[in-house]
Amino acid sequence: MLDVTELTEVKAGDEVVVIGTQDGATLTADDLAAARGTINYEVVAAIMPRVPRRYLRGGKLVATKTLADGYARC
Protein backbone atom coordinates (compact mmCIF):
# COMPACT_ATOMS: atom_id res chain seq x y z
CA MET A 1 0.00 0.00 0.00
CA LEU A 2 1.22 3.46 -0.83
CA ASP A 3 0.07 6.65 0.87
CA VAL A 4 -0.56 9.28 -1.82
CA THR A 5 -2.65 11.59 0.37
CA GLU A 6 -0.49 14.61 -0.41
CA LEU A 7 -0.41 13.95 -4.17
CA THR A 8 -3.64 15.56 -5.32
CA GLU A 9 -3.03 14.79 -9.03
CA VAL A 10 -3.02 11.02 -8.43
CA LYS A 11 -6.22 9.14 -9.33
CA ALA A 12 -7.40 5.54 -9.35
CA GLY A 13 -5.96 3.63 -12.30
CA ASP A 14 -2.72 5.64 -12.53
CA GLU A 15 0.42 3.62 -13.18
CA VAL A 16 2.74 3.34 -10.20
CA VAL A 17 6.38 2.32 -10.43
CA VAL A 18 7.62 1.39 -6.96
CA ILE A 19 10.91 -0.16 -8.02
CA GLY A 20 12.28 0.87 -11.40
CA THR A 21 12.46 3.88 -13.68
CA GLN A 22 9.68 6.23 -14.76
CA ASP A 23 10.01 9.64 -16.42
CA GLY A 24 13.79 9.62 -15.89
CA ALA A 25 13.57 8.98 -12.13
CA THR A 26 14.88 5.69 -10.75
CA LEU A 27 14.12 4.05 -7.41
CA THR A 28 15.80 0.77 -6.48
CA ALA A 29 15.18 -1.82 -3.79
CA ASP A 30 18.42 -0.56 -2.22
CA ASP A 31 16.97 2.98 -2.08
CA LEU A 32 13.79 1.76 -0.39
CA ALA A 33 15.78 -0.41 2.02
CA ALA A 34 17.95 2.54 3.05
CA ALA A 35 14.83 4.64 3.68
CA ARG A 36 13.36 1.85 5.85
CA GLY A 37 16.61 1.00 7.63
CA THR A 38 16.68 -2.56 6.31
CA ILE A 39 18.18 -4.62 3.46
CA ASN A 40 17.01 -4.87 -0.15
CA TYR A 41 15.93 -8.52 0.20
CA GLU A 42 13.34 -7.56 2.83
CA VAL A 43 11.91 -4.95 0.45
CA VAL A 44 11.38 -7.35 -2.47
CA ALA A 45 10.26 -10.23 -0.23
CA ALA A 46 7.52 -8.00 1.20
CA ILE A 47 5.88 -7.46 -2.22
CA MET A 48 2.83 -9.70 -2.14
CA PRO A 49 2.18 -12.24 -4.92
CA ARG A 50 -1.02 -10.41 -5.94
CA VAL A 51 1.10 -7.60 -7.39
CA PRO A 52 1.51 -8.31 -11.13
CA ARG A 53 5.08 -8.76 -12.35
CA ARG A 54 6.35 -7.54 -15.71
CA TYR A 55 9.68 -8.90 -16.86
CA LEU A 56 11.72 -6.73 -19.19
CA ARG A 57 14.82 -7.53 -21.25
CA GLY A 58 16.53 -4.60 -22.91
CA GLY A 59 13.49 -2.44 -22.20
CA LYS A 60 11.15 -4.88 -23.99
CA LEU A 61 8.40 -6.77 -22.17
CA VAL A 62 9.21 -10.48 -22.37
CA ALA A 63 6.86 -12.03 -19.78
CA THR A 64 4.22 -11.32 -17.15
CA LYS A 65 3.10 -13.08 -14.00
CA THR A 66 -0.20 -12.61 -12.17
CA LEU A 67 -2.07 -14.58 -9.56
CA ALA A 68 -5.02 -15.04 -11.89
CA ASP A 69 -3.17 -16.00 -15.09
CA GLY A 70 0.17 -17.32 -13.84
CA TYR A 71 3.37 -16.90 -15.87
CA ALA A 72 3.08 -15.98 -19.55
CA ARG A 73 5.75 -15.17 -22.12
CA CYS A 74 5.03 -12.29 -24.45
C-alpha atoms as a PDB file:
ATOM      1  CA  MET A   1       0.000   0.000   0.000  1.00  0.00           C
ATOM      2  CA  LEU A   2       1.216   3.463  -0.828  1.00  0.00           C
ATOM      3  CA  ASP A   3       0.067   6.651   0.865  1.00  0.00           C
ATOM      4  CA  VAL A   4      -0.562   9.282  -1.819  1.00  0.00           C
ATOM      5  CA  THR A   5      -2.646  11.588   0.370  1.00  0.00           C
ATOM      6  CA  GLU A   6      -0.489  14.613  -0.409  1.00  0.00           C
ATOM      7  CA  LEU A   7      -0.408  13.955  -4.167  1.00  0.00           C
ATOM      8  CA  THR A   8      -3.642  15.563  -5.324  1.00  0.00           C
ATOM      9  CA  GLU A   9      -3.030  14.791  -9.026  1.00  0.00           C
ATOM     10  CA  VAL A  10      -3.019  11.015  -8.426  1.00  0.00           C
ATOM     11  CA  LYS A  11      -6.218   9.143  -9.326  1.00  0.00           C
ATOM     12  CA  ALA A  12      -7.403   5.538  -9.353  1.00  0.00           C
ATOM     13  CA  GLY A  13      -5.961   3.629 -12.299  1.00  0.00           C
ATOM     14  CA  ASP A  14      -2.725   5.645 -12.529  1.00  0.00           C
ATOM     15  CA  GLU A  15       0.423   3.621 -13.184  1.00  0.00           C
ATOM     16  CA  VAL A  16       2.743   3.339 -10.195  1.00  0.00           C
ATOM     17  CA  VAL A  17       6.378   2.316 -10.426  1.00  0.00           C
ATOM     18  CA  VAL A  18       7.616   1.390  -6.963  1.00  0.00           C
ATOM     19  CA  ILE A  19      10.913  -0.164  -8.022  1.00  0.00           C
ATOM     20  CA  GLY A  20      12.278   0.867 -11.396  1.00  0.00           C
ATOM     21  CA  THR A  21      12.457   3.883 -13.681  1.00  0.00           C
ATOM     22  CA  GLN A  22       9.685   6.231 -14.761  1.00  0.00           C
ATOM     23  CA  ASP A  23      10.009   9.638 -16.423  1.00  0.00           C
ATOM     24  CA  GLY A  24      13.787   9.619 -15.887  1.00  0.00           C
ATOM     25  CA  ALA A  25      13.568   8.976 -12.129  1.00  0.00           C
ATOM     26  CA  THR A  26      14.883   5.688 -10.747  1.00  0.00           C
ATOM     27  CA  LEU A  27      14.121   4.045  -7.407  1.00  0.00           C
ATOM     28  CA  THR A  28      15.802   0.770  -6.481  1.00  0.00           C
ATOM     29  CA  ALA A  29      15.181  -1.824  -3.789  1.00  0.00           C
ATOM     30  CA  ASP A  30      18.417  -0.558  -2.222  1.00  0.00           C
ATOM     31  CA  ASP A  31      16.973   2.975  -2.079  1.00  0.00           C
ATOM     32  CA  LEU A  32      13.789   1.761  -0.393  1.00  0.00           C
ATOM     33  CA  ALA A  33      15.776  -0.405   2.024  1.00  0.00           C
ATOM     34  CA  ALA A  34      17.951   2.539   3.046  1.00  0.00           C
ATOM     35  CA  ALA A  35      14.827   4.643   3.678  1.00  0.00           C
ATOM     36  CA  ARG A  36      13.363   1.850   5.855  1.00  0.00           C
ATOM     37  CA  GLY A  37      16.611   0.996   7.627  1.00  0.00           C
ATOM     38  CA  THR A  38      16.680  -2.563   6.308  1.00  0.00           C
ATOM     39  CA  ILE A  39      18.182  -4.620   3.463  1.00  0.00           C
ATOM     40  CA  ASN A  40      17.009  -4.866  -0.149  1.00  0.00           C
ATOM     41  CA  TYR A  41      15.928  -8.517   0.203  1.00  0.00           C
ATOM     42  CA  GLU A  42      13.341  -7.562   2.829  1.00  0.00           C
ATOM     43  CA  VAL A  43      11.909  -4.954   0.449  1.00  0.00           C
ATOM     44  CA  VAL A  44      11.381  -7.347  -2.466  1.00  0.00           C
ATOM     45  CA  ALA A  45      10.256 -10.231  -0.232  1.00  0.00           C
ATOM     46  CA  ALA A  46       7.518  -8.001   1.195  1.00  0.00           C
ATOM     47  CA  ILE A  47       5.885  -7.462  -2.217  1.00  0.00           C
ATOM     48  CA  MET A  48       2.832  -9.698  -2.138  1.00  0.00           C
ATOM     49  CA  PRO A  49       2.177 -12.236  -4.921  1.00  0.00           C
ATOM     50  CA  ARG A  50      -1.022 -10.414  -5.942  1.00  0.00           C
ATOM     51  CA  VAL A  51       1.104  -7.596  -7.394  1.00  0.00           C
ATOM     52  CA  PRO A  52       1.510  -8.310 -11.134  1.00  0.00           C
ATOM     53  CA  ARG A  53       5.075  -8.759 -12.351  1.00  0.00           C
ATOM     54  CA  ARG A  54       6.348  -7.541 -15.706  1.00  0.00           C
ATOM     55  CA  TYR A  55       9.679  -8.900 -16.863  1.00  0.00           C
ATOM     56  CA  LEU A  56      11.725  -6.728 -19.191  1.00  0.00           C
ATOM     57  CA  ARG A  57      14.821  -7.529 -21.252  1.00  0.00           C
ATOM     58  CA  GLY A  58      16.532  -4.602 -22.913  1.00  0.00           C
ATOM     59  CA  GLY A  59      13.492  -2.443 -22.200  1.00  0.00           C
ATOM     60  CA  LYS A  60      11.154  -4.881 -23.991  1.00  0.00           C
ATOM     61  CA  LEU A  61       8.396  -6.772 -22.167  1.00  0.00           C
ATOM     62  CA  VAL A  62       9.215 -10.483 -22.372  1.00  0.00           C
ATOM     63  CA  ALA A  63       6.857 -12.032 -19.781  1.00  0.00           C
ATOM     64  CA  THR A  64       4.222 -11.317 -17.153  1.00  0.00           C
ATOM     65  CA  LYS A  65       3.095 -13.078 -14.001  1.00  0.00           C
ATOM     66  CA  THR A  66      -0.203 -12.606 -12.172  1.00  0.00           C
ATOM     67  CA  LEU A  67      -2.072 -14.584  -9.558  1.00  0.00           C
ATOM     68  CA  ALA A  68      -5.023 -15.043 -11.892  1.00  0.00           C
ATOM     69  CA  ASP A  69      -3.169 -16.003 -15.086  1.00  0.00           C
ATOM     70  CA  GLY A  70       0.168 -17.318 -13.844  1.00  0.00           C
ATOM     71  CA  TYR A  71       3.367 -16.897 -15.872  1.00  0.00           C
ATOM     72  CA  ALA A  72       3.077 -15.977 -19.555  1.00  0.00           C
ATOM     73  CA  ARG A  73       5.751 -15.172 -22.121  1.00  0.00           C
ATOM     74  CA  CYS A  74       5.033 -12.294 -24.447  1.00  0.00           C
END
